Amino acid sequence: MEKKIRVAIANDHTAFEFRKPIIEYLKKQGYQVLDLGTVNSKPVDYPDYGFKIGKAISDQKADVGIAICGTGIGINIAANRVPGIRCALAYEEETARLARSHNNANVLALGARIIAAEKGVELVKVFLNTPTSTEERHQFRIKKLN
């Protein structure tokens, strides 16, 4: 059996329930899960968790990440402040697929107040199962991002 990639997951208080089926899915699929999120509804600041997930990936403690806050927007912005992070916000399958394929996103941001948890699991599946395009035009653009 091939080794599964290491997936970090970070979330603020709005997503403490939303994250549970995603973690369950990841573990059932054999992924190594690095849990960086808060586990209750006590208010916390989403930038702290965006920075945590970005740092985990930049420090090579995880290969990719799932970042979740109420809309996905704030944690996305925070994660993208970490050098080397390409965090993409997705609310549907096509953007999750294109984020990986065209942009080689290494973090998927989700909005717990915007989509259902089941949809979140589906987006994670798409994100993790989409290879990065080897087309020169996409590779050139990814290099520019870095």
Protein backbone atom coordinates (compact mmCIF):
# COMPACT_ATOMS: atom_id res chain seq x y z
CA MET A 1 0.00 0.00 0.00
CA GLU A 2 1.36 3.42 -0.92
CA LYS A 3 2.08 5.93 1.82
CA LYS A 4 -0.66 8.53 2.15
CA ILE A 5 0.25 12.17 2.37
CA ARG A 6 0.21 14.05 5.64
CA VAL A 7 -2.77 16.37 5.97
CA ALA A 8 -2.89 19.20 8.50
CA ILE A 9 -6.29 20.52 9.52
CA ALA A 10 -6.79 23.81 11.32
CA ASN A 11 -10.01 25.55 12.27
CA ASP A 12 -11.47 28.24 14.45
CA HIS A 13 -14.44 27.84 16.80
CA THR A 14 -17.04 28.15 14.00
CA ALA A 15 -15.81 24.88 12.50
CA PHE A 16 -15.23 22.65 15.49
CA GLU A 17 -18.21 20.43 14.53
CA PHE A 18 -17.75 20.86 10.75
CA ARG A 19 -14.24 19.40 10.94
CA LYS A 20 -15.26 16.08 12.50
CA PRO A 21 -16.51 14.27 9.37
CA ILE A 22 -13.48 15.55 7.43
CA ILE A 23 -11.08 14.12 10.01
CA GLU A 24 -13.07 10.87 10.06
CA TYR A 25 -12.87 10.63 6.25
CA LEU A 26 -9.12 11.35 6.23
CA LYS A 27 -8.40 8.71 8.86
CA LYS A 28 -10.58 6.10 7.12
CA GLN A 29 -8.63 6.73 3.92
CA GLY A 30 -5.33 6.20 5.73
CA TYR A 31 -4.08 9.77 5.67
CA GLN A 32 -1.86 10.94 8.50
CA VAL A 33 -3.74 13.79 10.19
CA LEU A 34 -2.06 16.65 12.01
CA ASP A 35 -4.85 18.28 14.00
CA LEU A 36 -4.11 21.96 14.67
CA GLY A 37 -7.65 23.16 15.26
CA THR A 38 -9.61 24.19 18.26
CA VAL A 39 -11.97 21.50 19.54
CA ASN A 40 -14.74 23.55 21.13
CA SER A 41 -16.93 26.61 20.55
CA LYS A 42 -14.93 28.99 22.73
CA PRO A 43 -14.13 31.96 20.45
CA VAL A 44 -10.61 32.06 19.01
CA ASP A 45 -8.97 34.14 16.30
CA TYR A 46 -8.92 32.57 12.84
CA PRO A 47 -5.60 34.23 11.82
CA ASP A 48 -3.80 32.21 14.49
CA TYR A 49 -5.02 28.98 12.88
CA GLY A 50 -4.24 30.16 9.34
CA PHE A 51 -0.69 30.89 10.44
CA LYS A 52 -0.47 27.51 12.24
CA ILE A 53 -1.42 25.54 9.16
CA GLY A 54 0.86 27.55 6.92
CA LYS A 55 3.78 27.06 9.29
CA ALA A 56 3.11 23.31 9.57
CA ILE A 57 3.39 22.98 5.81
CA SER A 58 6.36 25.32 5.43
CA ASP A 59 8.13 23.39 8.22
CA GLN A 60 7.30 20.14 6.35
CA LYS A 61 5.25 18.69 9.20
CA ALA A 62 2.41 18.20 6.68
CA ASP A 63 2.20 17.96 2.90
CA VAL A 64 -1.13 19.73 2.44
CA GLY A 65 -3.72 21.36 4.64
CA ILE A 66 -7.41 21.97 5.20
CA ALA A 67 -8.13 25.37 6.78
CA ILE A 68 -11.65 26.15 8.03
CA CYS A 69 -13.32 29.21 9.50
CA GLY A 70 -16.82 30.65 9.18
CA THR A 71 -16.51 31.74 5.55
CA GLY A 72 -13.07 30.35 4.75
CA ILE A 73 -11.98 33.83 3.70
CA GLY A 74 -10.12 35.00 6.80
CA ILE A 75 -8.21 31.78 7.41
CA ASN A 76 -7.37 31.72 3.69
CA ILE A 77 -5.87 35.20 3.87
CA ALA A 78 -3.89 34.31 7.00
CA ALA A 79 -2.50 31.07 5.55
CA ASN A 80 -1.42 32.87 2.38
CA ARG A 81 0.73 35.24 4.47
CA VAL A 82 3.11 32.33 5.14
CA PRO A 83 5.82 32.06 2.45
CA GLY A 84 5.33 29.06 0.17
CA ILE A 85 1.65 28.63 0.95
CA ARG A 86 -0.88 28.57 -1.88
CA CYS A 87 -4.21 28.44 -0.07
CA ALA A 88 -7.36 28.37 -2.18
CA LEU A 89 -10.93 28.91 -1.05
CA ALA A 90 -13.46 26.53 -2.59
CA TYR A 91 -17.22 26.22 -2.22
CA GLU A 92 -17.75 23.69 -5.00
CA GLU A 93 -15.93 20.79 -6.68
CA GLU A 94 -14.67 22.61 -9.77
CA THR A 95 -12.79 25.27 -7.80
CA ALA A 96 -11.28 22.60 -5.51
CA ARG A 97 -10.13 20.65 -8.58
CA LEU A 98 -8.72 23.68 -10.39
CA ALA A 99 -6.97 24.93 -7.25
CA ARG A 100 -4.92 21.72 -7.23
CA SER A 101 -4.60 21.19 -10.95
CA HIS A 102 -3.84 24.70 -12.17
CA ASN A 103 -2.46 26.40 -9.05
CA ASN A 104 -0.88 23.51 -7.13
CA ALA A 105 -2.67 24.75 -4.00
CA ASN A 106 -1.24 23.18 -0.88
CA VAL A 107 -4.05 24.32 1.42
CA LEU A 108 -7.80 24.14 0.85
CA ALA A 109 -9.88 26.73 2.71
CA LEU A 110 -13.52 25.97 3.53
CA GLY A 111 -16.36 27.98 5.04
CA ALA A 112 -18.25 26.18 7.81
CA ARG A 113 -21.08 28.71 7.74
CA ILE A 114 -21.35 28.60 3.95
CA ILE A 115 -21.41 24.90 3.03
CA ALA A 116 -22.66 21.72 4.70
CA ALA A 117 -20.12 19.42 6.35
CA GLU A 118 -20.91 16.67 3.81
CA LYS A 119 -20.02 19.10 1.03
CA GLY A 120 -16.78 19.85 2.87
CA VAL A 121 -15.86 16.17 2.80
CA GLU A 122 -16.58 16.04 -0.95
CA LEU A 123 -14.38 19.08 -1.59
CA VAL A 124 -11.56 17.53 0.44
CA LYS A 125 -11.87 14.32 -1.63
CA VAL A 126 -11.64 16.27 -4.88
CA PHE A 127 -8.75 18.39 -3.62
CA LEU A 128 -6.68 15.44 -2.42
CA ASN A 129 -7.35 13.28 -5.48
CA THR A 130 -6.52 15.89 -8.12
CA PRO A 131 -2.98 15.87 -9.46
CA THR A 132 -1.13 19.06 -10.32
CA SER A 133 -1.09 19.79 -14.03
CA THR A 134 2.27 19.29 -15.70
CA GLU A 135 1.38 21.71 -18.48
CA GLU A 136 4.13 24.27 -18.93
CA ARG A 137 1.75 27.25 -18.71
CA HIS A 138 0.54 26.19 -15.26
CA GLN A 139 4.04 25.34 -14.02
CA PHE A 140 5.31 28.74 -15.19
CA ARG A 141 2.56 30.54 -13.28
CA ILE A 142 3.11 28.50 -10.12
CA LYS A 143 6.80 29.44 -10.21
CA LYS A 144 5.77 33.09 -10.42
CA LEU A 145 3.64 32.68 -7.31
CA ASN A 146 6.63 31.36 -5.42
